C-alpha atoms as a PDB file:
ATOM      1  CA  UNK A   1      30.965   6.399  -9.008  1.00  0.00           C
ATOM      2  CA  UNK A   2      29.000   9.541  -8.219  1.00  0.00           C
ATOM      3  CA  UNK A   3      25.354  10.275  -8.915  1.00  0.00           C
ATOM      4  CA  UNK A   4      22.554  12.627  -8.003  1.00  0.00           C
ATOM      5  CA  UNK A   5      20.393  10.265  -5.915  1.00  0.00           C
ATOM      6  CA  UNK A   6      22.118   9.144  -2.710  1.00  0.00           C
ATOM      7  CA  UNK A   7      19.369   6.869  -1.442  1.00  0.00           C
ATOM      8  CA  UNK A   8      20.473   3.238  -1.229  1.00  0.00           C
ATOM      9  CA  UNK A   9      18.356   0.391  -2.579  1.00  0.00           C
ATOM     10  CA  UNK A  10      17.813  -3.149  -1.282  1.00  0.00           C
ATOM     11  CA  UNK A  11      16.223  -6.048  -3.139  1.00  0.00           C
ATOM     12  CA  UNK A  12      15.164  -8.849  -0.791  1.00  0.00           C
ATOM     13  CA  UNK A  13      15.402 -12.044  -2.822  1.00  0.00           C
ATOM     14  CA  UNK A  14      15.785 -14.707  -0.156  1.00  0.00           C
ATOM     15  CA  UNK A  15      13.441 -17.295   1.270  1.00  0.00           C
ATOM     16  CA  UNK A  16      12.581 -20.824   0.188  1.00  0.00           C
ATOM     17  CA  UNK A  17       9.527 -19.998  -1.977  1.00  0.00           C
ATOM     18  CA  UNK A  18       8.062 -23.294  -0.808  1.00  0.00           C
ATOM     19  CA  UNK A  19       4.634 -22.411  -2.225  1.00  0.00           C
ATOM     20  CA  UNK A  20       6.207 -22.804  -5.666  1.00  0.00           C
ATOM     21  CA  UNK A  21       7.814 -26.212  -5.069  1.00  0.00           C
ATOM     22  CA  UNK A  22       9.003 -28.117  -7.081  1.00  0.00           C
ATOM     23  CA  UNK A  23       9.821 -25.219  -9.436  1.00  0.00           C
ATOM     24  CA  UNK A  24      11.927 -23.492  -6.786  1.00  0.00           C
ATOM     25  CA  UNK A  25      13.646 -26.479  -5.191  1.00  0.00           C
ATOM     26  CA  UNK A  26      16.830 -25.882  -7.180  1.00  0.00           C
ATOM     27  CA  UNK A  27      16.738 -22.102  -7.657  1.00  0.00           C
ATOM     28  CA  UNK A  28      15.388 -18.858  -6.283  1.00  0.00           C
ATOM     29  CA  UNK A  29      11.934 -17.726  -7.367  1.00  0.00           C
ATOM     30  CA  UNK A  30      13.487 -14.443  -8.453  1.00  0.00           C
ATOM     31  CA  UNK A  31      15.485 -16.281 -11.128  1.00  0.00           C
ATOM     32  CA  UNK A  32      12.380 -17.780 -12.734  1.00  0.00           C
ATOM     33  CA  UNK A  33      11.228 -16.146 -15.981  1.00  0.00           C
ATOM     34  CA  UNK A  34       8.334 -13.725 -16.143  1.00  0.00           C
ATOM     35  CA  UNK A  35       7.682 -13.969 -19.866  1.00  0.00           C
ATOM     36  CA  UNK A  36      10.987 -12.905 -21.463  1.00  0.00           C
ATOM     37  CA  UNK A  37      13.202 -12.003 -18.517  1.00  0.00           C
ATOM     38  CA  UNK A  38      14.011 -13.146 -14.961  1.00  0.00           C
ATOM     39  CA  UNK A  39      11.705 -11.973 -12.202  1.00  0.00           C
ATOM     40  CA  UNK A  40      14.445  -9.983 -10.475  1.00  0.00           C
ATOM     41  CA  UNK A  41      14.739  -7.691 -13.522  1.00  0.00           C
ATOM     42  CA  UNK A  42      11.430  -6.088 -12.545  1.00  0.00           C
ATOM     43  CA  UNK A  43      12.278  -4.917  -8.991  1.00  0.00           C
ATOM     44  CA  UNK A  44      15.754  -3.969 -10.222  1.00  0.00           C
ATOM     45  CA  UNK A  45      14.143  -1.830 -12.930  1.00  0.00           C
ATOM     46  CA  UNK A  46      11.840  -0.222 -10.354  1.00  0.00           C
ATOM     47  CA  UNK A  47      14.818   0.949  -8.311  1.00  0.00           C
ATOM     48  CA  UNK A  48      16.578   2.197 -11.436  1.00  0.00           C
ATOM     49  CA  UNK A  49      13.463   4.114 -12.501  1.00  0.00           C
ATOM     50  CA  UNK A  50      13.597   5.824  -9.108  1.00  0.00           C
ATOM     51  CA  UNK A  51      17.155   6.872  -9.910  1.00  0.00           C
ATOM     52  CA  UNK A  52      18.659   4.538  -7.286  1.00  0.00           C
ATOM     53  CA  UNK A  53      21.966   3.136  -8.495  1.00  0.00           C
ATOM     54  CA  UNK A  54      23.662   1.715  -5.375  1.00  0.00           C
ATOM     55  CA  UNK A  55      21.823  -1.534  -4.700  1.00  0.00           C
ATOM     56  CA  UNK A  56      22.218  -4.462  -2.303  1.00  0.00           C
ATOM     57  CA  UNK A  57      20.741  -7.848  -3.237  1.00  0.00           C
ATOM     58  CA  UNK A  58      19.994 -10.104  -0.262  1.00  0.00           C
ATOM     59  CA  UNK A  59      19.595 -13.763  -1.122  1.00  0.00           C
ATOM     60  CA  UNK A  60      20.398 -17.255   0.166  1.00  0.00           C
ATOM     61  CA  UNK A  61      23.946 -18.657   0.264  1.00  0.00           C
ATOM     62  CA  UNK A  62      22.864 -21.288  -2.272  1.00  0.00           C
ATOM     63  CA  UNK A  63      21.469 -18.791  -4.778  1.00  0.00           C
ATOM     64  CA  UNK A  64      24.149 -16.120  -4.388  1.00  0.00           C
ATOM     65  CA  UNK A  65      26.465 -17.444  -7.162  1.00  0.00           C
ATOM     66  CA  UNK A  66      23.514 -17.580  -9.581  1.00  0.00           C
ATOM     67  CA  UNK A  67      22.612 -13.935  -8.999  1.00  0.00           C
ATOM     68  CA  UNK A  68      26.243 -12.903  -9.285  1.00  0.00           C
ATOM     69  CA  UNK A  69      26.570 -14.791 -12.556  1.00  0.00           C
ATOM     70  CA  UNK A  70      23.429 -13.161 -13.945  1.00  0.00           C
ATOM     71  CA  UNK A  71      23.916  -9.567 -12.779  1.00  0.00           C
ATOM     72  CA  UNK A  72      27.574  -9.218 -11.843  1.00  0.00           C
ATOM     73  CA  UNK A  73      28.665  -6.002 -10.186  1.00  0.00           C
ATOM     74  CA  UNK A  74      26.190  -3.873 -12.162  1.00  0.00           C
ATOM     75  CA  UNK A  75      28.873  -1.714 -13.771  1.00  0.00           C
ATOM     76  CA  UNK A  76      27.715  -2.679 -17.269  1.00  0.00           C
ATOM     77  CA  UNK A  77      24.399  -0.970 -16.373  1.00  0.00           C
ATOM     78  CA  UNK A  78      26.026   2.076 -14.824  1.00  0.00           C
ATOM     79  CA  UNK A  79      24.986   0.995 -11.335  1.00  0.00           C
ATOM     80  CA  UNK A  80      26.660  -0.744  -8.410  1.00  0.00           C
ATOM     81  CA  UNK A  81      25.427  -4.111  -7.140  1.00  0.00           C
ATOM     82  CA  UNK A  82      26.611  -5.739  -3.952  1.00  0.00           C
ATOM     83  CA  UNK A  83      25.385  -8.913  -2.307  1.00  0.00           C
ATOM     84  CA  UNK A  84      24.540 -10.184   1.164  1.00  0.00           C
ATOM     85  CA  UNK A  85      23.384 -13.628   2.225  1.00  0.00           C
ATOM     86  CA  UNK A  86      20.509 -14.450   4.547  1.00  0.00           C
ATOM     87  CA  UNK A  87      20.931 -17.991   5.861  1.00  0.00           C
ATOM     88  CA  UNK A  88      17.323 -18.354   6.994  1.00  0.00           C
ATOM     89  CA  UNK A  89      14.126 -16.312   6.514  1.00  0.00           C
ATOM     90  CA  UNK A  90      13.784 -13.917   9.471  1.00  0.00           C
ATOM     91  CA  UNK A  91      11.296 -11.443   8.055  1.00  0.00           C
ATOM     92  CA  UNK A  92      11.383  -8.495   5.691  1.00  0.00           C
ATOM     93  CA  UNK A  93      12.556  -6.096   8.418  1.00  0.00           C
ATOM     94  CA  UNK A  94      15.657  -8.253   8.938  1.00  0.00           C
ATOM     95  CA  UNK A  95      16.978  -6.798   5.664  1.00  0.00           C
ATOM     96  CA  UNK A  96      17.822  -3.519   7.419  1.00  0.00           C
ATOM     97  CA  UNK A  97      19.915  -5.302  10.044  1.00  0.00           C
ATOM     98  CA  UNK A  98      21.745  -7.328   7.403  1.00  0.00           C
ATOM     99  CA  UNK A  99      22.215  -4.215   5.291  1.00  0.00           C
ATOM    100  CA  UNK A 100      23.331  -1.877   8.077  1.00  0.00           C
ATOM    101  CA  UNK A 101      26.889  -1.393   6.825  1.00  0.00           C
ATOM    102  CA  UNK A 102      25.650  -1.035   3.253  1.00  0.00           C
ATOM    103  CA  UNK A 103      23.078   1.623   4.180  1.00  0.00           C
ATOM    104  CA  UNK A 104      25.546   3.555   6.310  1.00  0.00           C
ATOM    105  CA  UNK A 105      24.150   6.996   7.067  1.00  0.00           C
ATOM    106  CA  UNK A 106      21.913   7.148   4.005  1.00  0.00           C
ATOM    107  CA  UNK A 107      18.199   6.759   3.408  1.00  0.00           C
ATOM    108  CA  UNK A 108      17.040   3.494   1.881  1.00  0.00           C
ATOM    109  CA  UNK A 109      14.400   1.967  -0.377  1.00  0.00           C
ATOM    110  CA  UNK A 110      13.521  -1.692   0.049  1.00  0.00           C
ATOM    111  CA  UNK A 111      11.692  -3.663  -2.615  1.00  0.00           C
ATOM    112  CA  UNK A 112      10.698  -7.308  -2.422  1.00  0.00           C
ATOM    113  CA  UNK A 113      12.257  -9.399  -5.154  1.00  0.00           C
ATOM    114  CA  UNK A 114       8.924 -10.899  -6.233  1.00  0.00           C
ATOM    115  CA  UNK A 115       7.051  -7.608  -6.718  1.00  0.00           C
ATOM    116  CA  UNK A 116       6.216  -6.271 -10.176  1.00  0.00           C
ATOM    117  CA  UNK A 117       4.924  -2.684 -10.391  1.00  0.00           C
ATOM    118  CA  UNK A 118       3.911  -0.950 -13.603  1.00  0.00           C
ATOM    119  CA  UNK A 119       1.966   2.180 -14.423  1.00  0.00           C
ATOM    120  CA  UNK A 120       1.957   5.554 -16.102  1.00  0.00           C
ATOM    121  CA  UNK A 121       3.902   8.189 -14.203  1.00  0.00           C
ATOM    122  CA  UNK A 122       5.424   5.615 -11.869  1.00  0.00           C
ATOM    123  CA  UNK A 123       8.981   6.783 -12.536  1.00  0.00           C
ATOM    124  CA  UNK A 124       8.156  10.377 -11.531  1.00  0.00           C
ATOM    125  CA  UNK A 125       6.409   9.214  -8.360  1.00  0.00           C
ATOM    126  CA  UNK A 126       9.357   7.055  -7.369  1.00  0.00           C
ATOM    127  CA  UNK A 127      11.893   9.787  -8.059  1.00  0.00           C
ATOM    128  CA  UNK A 128      10.008  12.137  -5.740  1.00  0.00           C
ATOM    129  CA  UNK A 129      10.194   9.518  -3.007  1.00  0.00           C
ATOM    130  CA  UNK A 130      13.992   9.397  -3.176  1.00  0.00           C
ATOM    131  CA  UNK A 131      14.145  12.974  -1.889  1.00  0.00           C
ATOM    132  CA  UNK A 132      12.877  11.720   1.482  1.00  0.00           C
ATOM    133  CA  UNK A 133      15.075  12.865   4.374  1.00  0.00           C
ATOM    134  CA  UNK A 134      12.863  12.085   7.359  1.00  0.00           C
ATOM    135  CA  UNK A 135      10.148   9.534   7.989  1.00  0.00           C
ATOM    136  CA  UNK A 136       8.863   6.950   5.535  1.00  0.00           C
ATOM    137  CA  UNK A 137       6.771   6.504   2.409  1.00  0.00           C
ATOM    138  CA  UNK A 138       4.782   3.380   1.586  1.00  0.00           C
ATOM    139  CA  UNK A 139       2.153   2.539  -1.029  1.00  0.00           C
ATOM    140  CA  UNK A 140      -1.409   1.291  -0.786  1.00  0.00           C
ATOM    141  CA  UNK A 141      -3.040  -0.702  -3.568  1.00  0.00           C
ATOM    142  CA  UNK A 142      -6.729  -1.576  -3.824  1.00  0.00           C
ATOM    143  CA  UNK A 143      -7.150  -5.373  -3.970  1.00  0.00           C
ATOM    144  CA  UNK A 144     -10.032  -7.814  -4.039  1.00  0.00           C
ATOM    145  CA  UNK A 145      -8.516 -10.083  -1.339  1.00  0.00           C
ATOM    146  CA  UNK A 146      -6.895  -7.811   1.262  1.00  0.00           C
ATOM    147  CA  UNK A 147      -6.835 -10.536   3.921  1.00  0.00           C
ATOM    148  CA  UNK A 148      -3.688 -11.894   2.233  1.00  0.00           C
ATOM    149  CA  UNK A 149      -1.670  -8.763   2.955  1.00  0.00           C
ATOM    150  CA  UNK A 150      -0.855  -6.009   5.391  1.00  0.00           C
ATOM    151  CA  UNK A 151      -4.007  -3.870   5.248  1.00  0.00           C
ATOM    152  CA  UNK A 152      -4.410  -0.165   5.955  1.00  0.00           C
ATOM    153  CA  UNK A 153      -7.092   1.032   8.358  1.00  0.00           C
ATOM    154  CA  UNK A 154      -8.332   4.600   7.781  1.00  0.00           C
ATOM    155  CA  UNK A 155     -10.172   7.147   9.906  1.00  0.00           C
ATOM    156  CA  UNK A 156     -13.193   9.123   8.713  1.00  0.00           C
ATOM    157  CA  UNK A 157     -10.886  11.549   6.881  1.00  0.00           C
ATOM    158  CA  UNK A 158      -9.124   8.726   5.041  1.00  0.00           C
ATOM    159  CA  UNK A 159      -5.944   9.143   7.041  1.00  0.00           C
ATOM    160  CA  UNK A 160      -4.197   5.865   7.905  1.00  0.00           C
ATOM    161  CA  UNK A 161      -4.517   4.896  11.568  1.00  0.00           C
ATOM    162  CA  UNK A 162      -2.817   1.499  11.611  1.00  0.00           C
ATOM    163  CA  UNK A 163      -1.696  -1.381   9.427  1.00  0.00           C
ATOM    164  CA  UNK A 164      -2.936  -4.874  10.238  1.00  0.00           C
ATOM    165  CA  UNK A 165      -1.097  -7.953   9.014  1.00  0.00           C
ATOM    166  CA  UNK A 166      -3.372 -10.462   7.247  1.00  0.00           C
ATOM    167  CA  UNK A 167      -6.578  -9.565   9.130  1.00  0.00           C
ATOM    168  CA  UNK A 168      -9.498 -11.996   9.103  1.00  0.00           C
ATOM    169  CA  UNK A 169     -11.825  -9.014   8.758  1.00  0.00           C
ATOM    170  CA  UNK A 170      -9.984  -6.392   6.689  1.00  0.00           C
ATOM    171  CA  UNK A 171     -10.818  -2.770   7.592  1.00  0.00           C
ATOM    172  CA  UNK A 172     -10.260  -1.694   3.958  1.00  0.00           C
ATOM    173  CA  UNK A 173      -9.266  -3.044   0.565  1.00  0.00           C
ATOM    174  CA  UNK A 174      -5.919  -1.237   0.558  1.00  0.00           C
ATOM    175  CA  UNK A 175      -2.931  -3.572   0.805  1.00  0.00           C
ATOM    176  CA  UNK A 176       0.589  -2.323   1.472  1.00  0.00           C
ATOM    177  CA  UNK A 177       2.782  -3.334  -1.452  1.00  0.00           C
ATOM    178  CA  UNK A 178       6.367  -4.559  -1.159  1.00  0.00           C
ATOM    179  CA  UNK A 179       8.049  -1.211  -1.817  1.00  0.00           C
ATOM    180  CA  UNK A 180       9.143   0.973   1.096  1.00  0.00           C
ATOM    181  CA  UNK A 181      11.138   4.217   1.480  1.00  0.00           C
ATOM    182  CA  UNK A 182      12.705   4.995   4.878  1.00  0.00           C
ATOM    183  CA  UNK A 183      15.025   7.422   6.598  1.00  0.00           C
ATOM    184  CA  UNK A 184      18.131   6.139   8.356  1.00  0.00           C
ATOM    185  CA  UNK A 185      16.448   5.454  11.695  1.00  0.00           C
ATOM    186  CA  UNK A 186      14.877   2.327  10.187  1.00  0.00           C
ATOM    187  CA  UNK A 187      18.033   0.406  11.097  1.00  0.00           C
ATOM    188  CA  UNK A 188      17.635   1.032  14.824  1.00  0.00           C
ATOM    189  CA  UNK A 189      13.882   0.495  14.645  1.00  0.00           C
ATOM    190  CA  UNK A 190      14.458  -2.934  13.074  1.00  0.00           C
ATOM    191  CA  UNK A 191      17.010  -3.841  15.759  1.00  0.00           C
ATOM    192  CA  UNK A 192      14.490  -3.148  18.513  1.00  0.00           C
ATOM    193  CA  UNK A 193      11.644  -5.179  17.023  1.00  0.00           C
ATOM    194  CA  UNK A 194      10.495  -8.334  18.799  1.00  0.00           C
ATOM    195  CA  UNK A 195      10.061 -11.458  16.720  1.00  0.00           C
ATOM    196  CA  UNK A 196       6.453 -12.139  15.790  1.00  0.00           C
ATOM    197  CA  UNK A 197       4.531 -15.326  16.517  1.00  0.00           C
ATOM    198  CA  UNK A 198       5.769 -16.759  13.233  1.00  0.00           C
ATOM    199  CA  UNK A 199       9.379 -16.047  14.219  1.00  0.00           C
ATOM    200  CA  UNK A 200       9.999 -13.061  11.944  1.00  0.00           C
ATOM    201  CA  UNK A 201      10.765  -9.361  12.162  1.00  0.00           C
ATOM    202  CA  UNK A 202       7.688  -7.831  10.587  1.00  0.00           C
ATOM    203  CA  UNK A 203       7.803  -4.890   8.197  1.00  0.00           C
ATOM    204  CA  UNK A 204       4.273  -4.024   9.354  1.00  0.00           C
ATOM    205  CA  UNK A 205       5.671  -3.306  12.827  1.00  0.00           C
ATOM    206  CA  UNK A 206       8.148  -0.848  11.312  1.00  0.00           C
ATOM    207  CA  UNK A 207       5.397   0.869   9.345  1.00  0.00           C
ATOM    208  CA  UNK A 208       3.184   1.117  12.415  1.00  0.00           C
ATOM    209  CA  UNK A 209       6.054   2.654  14.382  1.00  0.00           C
ATOM    210  CA  UNK A 210       6.461   5.401  11.778  1.00  0.00           C
ATOM    211  CA  UNK A 211       2.694   5.848  11.709  1.00  0.00           C
ATOM    212  CA  UNK A 212       2.538   6.297  15.493  1.00  0.00           C
ATOM    213  CA  UNK A 213       5.312   8.884  15.254  1.00  0.00           C
ATOM    214  CA  UNK A 214       3.348  10.702  12.528  1.00  0.00           C
ATOM    215  CA  UNK A 215       6.234  10.088  10.148  1.00  0.00           C
ATOM    216  CA  UNK A 216       4.546   7.854   7.603  1.00  0.00           C
ATOM    217  CA  UNK A 217       3.214   8.938   4.220  1.00  0.00           C
ATOM    218  CA  UNK A 218       0.862   6.584   2.407  1.00  0.00           C
ATOM    219  CA  UNK A 219       0.510   6.994  -1.350  1.00  0.00           C
ATOM    220  CA  UNK A 220      -2.508   5.284  -2.885  1.00  0.00           C
ATOM    221  CA  UNK A 221      -1.635   3.877  -6.285  1.00  0.00           C
ATOM    222  CA  UNK A 222      -4.162   4.740  -8.988  1.00  0.00           C
ATOM    223  CA  UNK A 223      -6.423   2.340 -10.866  1.00  0.00           C
ATOM    224  CA  UNK A 224      -4.126   2.531 -13.882  1.00  0.00           C
ATOM    225  CA  UNK A 225      -1.241   0.992 -11.934  1.00  0.00           C
ATOM    226  CA  UNK A 226      -0.550  -2.723 -11.851  1.00  0.00           C
ATOM    227  CA  UNK A 227       0.964  -4.409  -8.804  1.00  0.00           C
ATOM    228  CA  UNK A 228       1.596  -8.120  -9.125  1.00  0.00           C
ATOM    229  CA  UNK A 229       2.771 -10.242  -6.215  1.00  0.00           C
ATOM    230  CA  UNK A 230       4.208 -13.418  -7.735  1.00  0.00           C
ATOM    231  CA  UNK A 231       3.966 -15.729  -4.743  1.00  0.00           C
ATOM    232  CA  UNK A 232       2.036 -18.590  -6.348  1.00  0.00           C
ATOM    233  CA  UNK A 233       2.130 -20.517  -9.615  1.00  0.00           C
ATOM    234  CA  UNK A 234      -1.066 -18.817 -10.783  1.00  0.00           C
ATOM    235  CA  UNK A 235       0.361 -15.401  -9.908  1.00  0.00           C
ATOM    236  CA  UNK A 236       3.530 -16.154 -11.877  1.00  0.00           C
ATOM    237  CA  UNK A 237       1.449 -17.097 -14.903  1.00  0.00           C
ATOM    238  CA  UNK A 238      -0.740 -14.013 -14.528  1.00  0.00           C
ATOM    239  CA  UNK A 239       2.351 -11.804 -14.413  1.00  0.00           C
ATOM    240  CA  UNK A 240       3.858 -13.478 -17.482  1.00  0.00           C
ATOM    241  CA  UNK A 241       0.604 -13.090 -19.421  1.00  0.00           C
ATOM    242  CA  UNK A 242       0.320  -9.445 -18.362  1.00  0.00           C
ATOM    243  CA  UNK A 243       3.839  -8.655 -19.580  1.00  0.00           C
ATOM    244  CA  UNK A 244       3.354 -10.631 -22.787  1.00  0.00           C
ATOM    245  CA  UNK A 245       0.164  -8.814 -23.733  1.00  0.00           C
ATOM    246  CA  UNK A 246       1.592  -5.343 -23.142  1.00  0.00           C
ATOM    247  CA  UNK A 247       4.959  -5.986 -24.765  1.00  0.00           C
ATOM    248  CA  UNK A 248       3.512  -7.627 -27.862  1.00  0.00           C
ATOM    249  CA  UNK A 249       0.859  -4.939 -28.233  1.00  0.00           C
ATOM    250  CA  UNK A 250       3.246  -1.990 -27.873  1.00  0.00           C
ATOM    251  CA  UNK A 251       6.535  -3.449 -28.987  1.00  0.00           C
ATOM    252  CA  UNK A 252       8.124  -1.947 -25.864  1.00  0.00           C
ATOM    253  CA  UNK A 253       9.766  -3.840 -23.029  1.00  0.00           C
ATOM    254  CA  UNK A 254       8.690  -3.649 -19.389  1.00  0.00           C
ATOM    255  CA  UNK A 255      11.367  -4.122 -16.752  1.00  0.00           C
ATOM    256  CA  UNK A 256      14.333  -3.767 -19.094  1.00  0.00           C
ATOM    257  CA  UNK A 257      17.359  -2.576 -17.048  1.00  0.00           C
ATOM    258  CA  UNK A 258      19.536  -2.049 -20.121  1.00  0.00           C
ATOM    259  CA  UNK A 259      17.040   0.324 -21.722  1.00  0.00           C
ATOM    260  CA  UNK A 260      16.528   2.234 -18.481  1.00  0.00           C
ATOM    261  CA  UNK A 261      20.291   2.598 -18.029  1.00  0.00           C
ATOM    262  CA  UNK A 262      20.668   3.882 -21.592  1.00  0.00           C
ATOM    263  CA  UNK A 263      17.716   6.301 -21.533  1.00  0.00           C
ATOM    264  CA  UNK A 264      18.857   7.677 -18.185  1.00  0.00           C
ATOM    265  CA  UNK A 265      22.365   8.026 -19.650  1.00  0.00           C
ATOM    266  CA  UNK A 266      23.959   5.727 -17.098  1.00  0.00           C
ATOM    267  CA  UNK A 267      25.567   3.985 -20.082  1.00  0.00           C
ATOM    268  CA  UNK A 268      26.508   5.129 -23.577  1.00  0.00           C
ATOM    269  CA  UNK A 269      25.102   3.898 -26.879  1.00  0.00           C
ATOM    270  CA  UNK A 270      28.333   1.977 -27.428  1.00  0.00           C
ATOM    271  CA  UNK A 271      27.866   0.207 -24.101  1.00  0.00           C
ATOM    272  CA  UNK A 272      24.243  -0.592 -24.921  1.00  0.00           C
ATOM    273  CA  UNK A 273      25.258  -2.081 -28.266  1.00  0.00           C
ATOM    274  CA  UNK A 274      27.858  -4.217 -26.525  1.00  0.00           C
ATOM    275  CA  UNK A 275      25.231  -5.590 -24.153  1.00  0.00           C
ATOM    276  CA  UNK A 276      22.843  -6.198 -27.042  1.00  0.00           C
ATOM    277  CA  UNK A 277      25.350  -7.985 -29.255  1.00  0.00           C
ATOM    278  CA  UNK A 278      26.188 -10.432 -26.462  1.00  0.00           C
ATOM    279  CA  UNK A 279      22.595 -11.728 -26.598  1.00  0.00           C
ATOM    280  CA  UNK A 280      21.712 -10.763 -30.183  1.00  0.00           C
ATOM    281  CA  UNK A 281      20.322 -14.198 -31.037  1.00  0.00           C
ATOM    282  CA  UNK A 282      17.367 -13.559 -28.687  1.00  0.00           C
ATOM    283  CA  UNK A 283      14.383 -11.291 -29.253  1.00  0.00           C
ATOM    284  CA  UNK A 284      15.458  -9.398 -26.135  1.00  0.00           C
ATOM    285  CA  UNK A 285      18.870  -8.698 -27.666  1.00  0.00           C
ATOM    286  CA  UNK A 286      17.305  -7.656 -30.966  1.00  0.00           C
ATOM    287  CA  UNK A 287      15.066  -5.236 -29.063  1.00  0.00           C
ATOM    288  CA  UNK A 288      18.110  -3.588 -27.487  1.00  0.00           C
ATOM    289  CA  UNK A 289      19.769  -3.277 -30.895  1.00  0.00           C
ATOM    290  CA  UNK A 290      16.650  -1.665 -32.344  1.00  0.00           C
ATOM    291  CA  UNK A 291      16.601   0.972 -29.611  1.00  0.00           C
ATOM    292  CA  UNK A 292      19.599   2.621 -31.212  1.00  0.00           C
ATOM    293  CA  UNK A 293      18.028   2.878 -34.661  1.00  0.00           C
ATOM    294  CA  UNK A 294      14.579   3.892 -33.383  1.00  0.00           C
ATOM    295  CA  UNK A 295      14.932   7.630 -32.809  1.00  0.00           C
ATOM    296  CA  UNK A 296      11.500   8.115 -31.227  1.00  0.00           C
ATOM    297  CA  UNK A 297      11.805   9.250 -27.599  1.00  0.00           C
ATOM    298  CA  UNK A 298       9.806   6.939 -25.357  1.00  0.00           C
ATOM    299  CA  UNK A 299       9.062   7.852 -21.749  1.00  0.00           C
ATOM    300  CA  UNK A 300      10.169   5.166 -19.310  1.00  0.00           C
END
C-alpha cells in the first residue's frame, strides 16, 4: 500500500477497565457498544479522518483474538491494521516502547481506545496535525471537573507552562484529551521516563518534556466540539445517548469507518456494497447501502 499521509497511528485499547466491572470482566471496554457500534470504531474513525491509514492496535493477550475477529487486517477499509499485546497496564507512554518497530522512523499519533471526539471541522484540524515533522501537538478541552485529568497551567498570555496530572487544585479548566501527535523522538523520550508512583509511564511526563523544550503546540478545542471519555458506566451511557440523538436527528452516522473509507476513496463503491451486504439485516448495514443511492455530498 502507498498513501499520502505517512504518519503512523496507535490505538491503545488495553487495561482491565475495572471501573466497569462486571461488564468488562469477559471483554475489553473498547468492544462494548456505544449506541449502534463498538467503542473502538470511534477512535479508529478519528485516525481515518486524519488520513492515517497504517494503524497499530495495542490490547491485552486475552482480547486480541476478539479485535482481530472484528477488524481483521483492515484491508477491507483500505487501511492496514496490525496488533500488539500489552500483558499488563504500564501507562499510556508505554505504547511508544511497545510500538517502536511499528513506528520505525515515522511520526506517530496516539489515541486512547475509549475516547470519542466529534465536532465541525475536526477532520481538517486533524489532517493539519499529520503534517507535523518536529515536536508535538496535543489538545485542550474545557471541562467542569478538571481534577480528573491532566490539566494545563497557563501564563498571563495564555501560553501553556506545565501540565499537572489530576491536581487537587486545578490551575485551569482545560484537560488534555487522549489524542496526541508526536515526532519520532517520542520513542526515546518514553524509554527514559521513570515509572510514576502508581507504577506507570505517564503521558503527562512526555508532554511536559516537549513543553520544556518549547516543542509542544496546544490546540484548544472549541465549544462546538464534543469530547467524551467513556471510563465509567454513566459516561458510556452519556456517549450512547449523545450518538443516538445526533444520528437519529440527522440520519447520518458518527464514527462509521466504512463511510469514511468510501468518501475518502480508500475503497470503491463495489467494496462498500460488499461490506454493506454482509450486514444488510442491521440498520447499520442498510445505512451503508443507502449511501450509494444518496447522491448528496456530505462532509465527514
